[in-house]
Amino acid sequence: MVSRAELSSLETAIRELCDRVTNAADELIGTTEENVALDLYEVERSLRTAQRRISRAAGGLPTEQ
């Protein structure tokens, strides 16, 4: 059965991935590849949504004893 700890771990992994995607996008702003940055910012938004939903799902699980 999935636990809060497991979901917390997934949330952390998504947060770290989101940070990496954001950094990559930031590096492309102002270059000829700026369109790629815009796509990456869209990915960032999706990852942040996933992170919030996992957090909310974890809140629905019973606390571990």
N, C-alpha and C. Protein backbone atom coordinates (compact mmCIF):
# COMPACT_ATOMS: atom_id res chain seq x y z
N MET A 1 0.84 -1.18 0.00
CA MET A 1 0.00 0.00 0.00
C MET A 1 0.89 1.24 0.00
N VAL A 2 0.48 2.24 -0.74
CA VAL A 2 1.24 3.47 -0.84
C VAL A 2 1.18 4.23 0.50
N SER A 3 2.29 4.84 0.86
CA SER A 3 2.35 5.56 2.13
C SER A 3 2.59 7.04 1.89
N ARG A 4 2.38 7.83 2.94
CA ARG A 4 2.67 9.26 2.86
C ARG A 4 4.15 9.48 2.55
N ALA A 5 5.00 8.66 3.13
CA ALA A 5 6.44 8.80 2.91
C ALA A 5 6.79 8.59 1.44
N GLU A 6 6.16 7.60 0.83
CA GLU A 6 6.42 7.33 -0.59
C GLU A 6 5.95 8.51 -1.45
N LEU A 7 4.77 9.03 -1.14
CA LEU A 7 4.26 10.18 -1.90
C LEU A 7 5.12 11.42 -1.66
N SER A 8 5.61 11.57 -0.45
CA SER A 8 6.50 12.69 -0.15
C SER A 8 7.79 12.58 -0.96
N SER A 9 8.29 11.38 -1.10
CA SER A 9 9.48 11.16 -1.90
C SER A 9 9.23 11.51 -3.36
N LEU A 10 8.09 11.12 -3.88
CA LEU A 10 7.73 11.48 -5.25
C LEU A 10 7.60 12.98 -5.41
N GLU A 11 7.01 13.62 -4.43
CA GLU A 11 6.85 15.08 -4.47
C GLU A 11 8.22 15.76 -4.51
N THR A 12 9.14 15.28 -3.73
CA THR A 12 10.50 15.84 -3.72
C THR A 12 11.17 15.65 -5.07
N ALA A 13 11.03 14.47 -5.65
CA ALA A 13 11.63 14.20 -6.96
C ALA A 13 11.05 15.13 -8.02
N ILE A 14 9.75 15.34 -7.98
CA ILE A 14 9.11 16.24 -8.95
C ILE A 14 9.59 17.67 -8.74
N ARG A 15 9.71 18.10 -7.49
CA ARG A 15 10.19 19.45 -7.19
C ARG A 15 11.60 19.65 -7.76
N GLU A 16 12.47 18.66 -7.55
CA GLU A 16 13.84 18.76 -8.06
C GLU A 16 13.86 18.78 -9.58
N LEU A 17 13.05 17.96 -10.21
CA LEU A 17 12.95 17.95 -11.67
C LEU A 17 12.43 19.29 -12.18
N CYS A 18 11.43 19.82 -11.49
CA CYS A 18 10.86 21.11 -11.87
C CYS A 18 11.93 22.20 -11.82
N ASP A 19 12.75 22.19 -10.79
CA ASP A 19 13.84 23.17 -10.67
C ASP A 19 14.82 23.04 -11.84
N ARG A 20 15.13 21.83 -12.22
CA ARG A 20 16.04 21.62 -13.34
C ARG A 20 15.44 22.11 -14.65
N VAL A 21 14.16 21.84 -14.85
CA VAL A 21 13.48 22.31 -16.07
C VAL A 21 13.46 23.83 -16.11
N THR A 22 13.16 24.46 -14.98
CA THR A 22 13.13 25.91 -14.91
C THR A 22 14.49 26.51 -15.22
N ASN A 23 15.54 25.94 -14.64
CA ASN A 23 16.89 26.43 -14.91
C ASN A 23 17.24 26.32 -16.39
N ALA A 24 16.86 25.21 -17.01
CA ALA A 24 17.13 25.03 -18.44
C ALA A 24 16.38 26.08 -19.25
N ALA A 25 15.13 26.33 -18.89
CA ALA A 25 14.34 27.32 -19.62
C ALA A 25 14.93 28.71 -19.44
N ASP A 26 15.32 29.04 -18.22
CA ASP A 26 15.90 30.36 -17.95
C ASP A 26 17.14 30.61 -18.81
N GLU A 27 17.94 29.58 -19.03
CA GLU A 27 19.15 29.72 -19.83
C GLU A 27 18.83 30.02 -21.30
N LEU A 28 17.66 29.63 -21.74
CA LEU A 28 17.30 29.80 -23.16
C LEU A 28 16.60 31.13 -23.45
N ILE A 29 16.15 31.81 -22.43
CA ILE A 29 15.48 33.09 -22.64
C ILE A 29 16.48 34.08 -23.24
N GLY A 30 16.04 34.77 -24.28
CA GLY A 30 16.89 35.75 -24.94
C GLY A 30 17.79 35.17 -26.01
N THR A 31 17.64 33.87 -26.27
CA THR A 31 18.43 33.23 -27.33
C THR A 31 17.53 32.91 -28.51
N THR A 32 18.11 32.37 -29.55
CA THR A 32 17.31 31.97 -30.71
C THR A 32 16.44 30.76 -30.40
N GLU A 33 16.71 30.10 -29.27
CA GLU A 33 15.90 28.94 -28.85
C GLU A 33 14.87 29.31 -27.81
N GLU A 34 14.47 30.56 -27.77
CA GLU A 34 13.51 31.01 -26.76
C GLU A 34 12.18 30.25 -26.84
N ASN A 35 11.81 29.79 -28.05
CA ASN A 35 10.58 29.01 -28.17
C ASN A 35 10.65 27.71 -27.37
N VAL A 36 11.85 27.15 -27.26
CA VAL A 36 12.04 25.94 -26.45
C VAL A 36 11.83 26.29 -24.98
N ALA A 37 12.32 27.45 -24.57
CA ALA A 37 12.14 27.90 -23.18
C ALA A 37 10.66 28.01 -22.85
N LEU A 38 9.88 28.53 -23.77
CA LEU A 38 8.44 28.67 -23.52
C LEU A 38 7.79 27.30 -23.33
N ASP A 39 8.21 26.33 -24.12
CA ASP A 39 7.70 24.96 -23.94
C ASP A 39 8.12 24.41 -22.58
N LEU A 40 9.36 24.68 -22.19
CA LEU A 40 9.83 24.18 -20.89
C LEU A 40 9.08 24.83 -19.74
N TYR A 41 8.73 26.10 -19.86
CA TYR A 41 7.93 26.74 -18.81
C TYR A 41 6.55 26.10 -18.71
N GLU A 42 6.02 25.64 -19.83
CA GLU A 42 4.74 24.93 -19.80
C GLU A 42 4.90 23.59 -19.07
N VAL A 43 6.02 22.92 -19.31
CA VAL A 43 6.32 21.67 -18.59
C VAL A 43 6.43 21.96 -17.10
N GLU A 44 7.10 23.06 -16.75
CA GLU A 44 7.24 23.45 -15.35
C GLU A 44 5.88 23.60 -14.69
N ARG A 45 4.96 24.27 -15.35
CA ARG A 45 3.62 24.45 -14.79
C ARG A 45 2.93 23.10 -14.56
N SER A 46 3.08 22.21 -15.51
CA SER A 46 2.48 20.87 -15.35
C SER A 46 3.10 20.11 -14.18
N LEU A 47 4.41 20.22 -14.04
CA LEU A 47 5.07 19.55 -12.91
C LEU A 47 4.63 20.13 -11.58
N ARG A 48 4.48 21.44 -11.51
CA ARG A 48 4.03 22.07 -10.25
C ARG A 48 2.60 21.62 -9.92
N THR A 49 1.77 21.47 -10.94
CA THR A 49 0.42 20.96 -10.72
C THR A 49 0.48 19.53 -10.19
N ALA A 50 1.34 18.72 -10.78
CA ALA A 50 1.49 17.33 -10.31
C ALA A 50 1.98 17.30 -8.87
N GLN A 51 2.91 18.17 -8.55
CA GLN A 51 3.44 18.23 -7.18
C GLN A 51 2.33 18.57 -6.19
N ARG A 52 1.51 19.55 -6.52
CA ARG A 52 0.40 19.93 -5.62
C ARG A 52 -0.60 18.79 -5.47
N ARG A 53 -0.88 18.09 -6.56
CA ARG A 53 -1.87 17.00 -6.49
C ARG A 53 -1.35 15.83 -5.68
N ILE A 54 -0.07 15.54 -5.80
CA ILE A 54 0.51 14.47 -4.98
C ILE A 54 0.45 14.86 -3.51
N SER A 55 0.75 16.11 -3.21
CA SER A 55 0.68 16.58 -1.83
C SER A 55 -0.73 16.45 -1.29
N ARG A 56 -1.70 16.83 -2.09
CA ARG A 56 -3.10 16.71 -1.67
C ARG A 56 -3.49 15.26 -1.48
N ALA A 57 -3.02 14.39 -2.38
CA ALA A 57 -3.31 12.95 -2.24
C ALA A 57 -2.70 12.40 -0.96
N ALA A 58 -1.48 12.82 -0.66
CA ALA A 58 -0.83 12.35 0.57
C ALA A 58 -1.63 12.77 1.79
N GLY A 59 -2.22 13.94 1.75
CA GLY A 59 -3.02 14.42 2.87
C GLY A 59 -4.27 13.58 3.09
N GLY A 60 -4.68 12.84 2.08
CA GLY A 60 -5.85 11.99 2.20
C GLY A 60 -5.56 10.62 2.77
N LEU A 61 -4.29 10.31 2.96
CA LEU A 61 -3.92 9.01 3.52
C LEU A 61 -3.86 9.10 5.05
N PRO A 62 -4.11 7.99 5.73
CA PRO A 62 -3.99 8.01 7.19
C PRO A 62 -2.56 8.23 7.62
N THR A 63 -2.39 8.86 8.76
CA THR A 63 -1.03 9.07 9.27
C THR A 63 -0.46 7.73 9.73
N GLU A 64 0.84 7.63 9.59
CA GLU A 64 1.52 6.37 9.94
C GLU A 64 1.85 6.38 11.43
N GLN A 65 1.71 5.25 12.05
CA GLN A 65 1.97 5.13 13.48
C GLN A 65 3.29 4.50 13.71
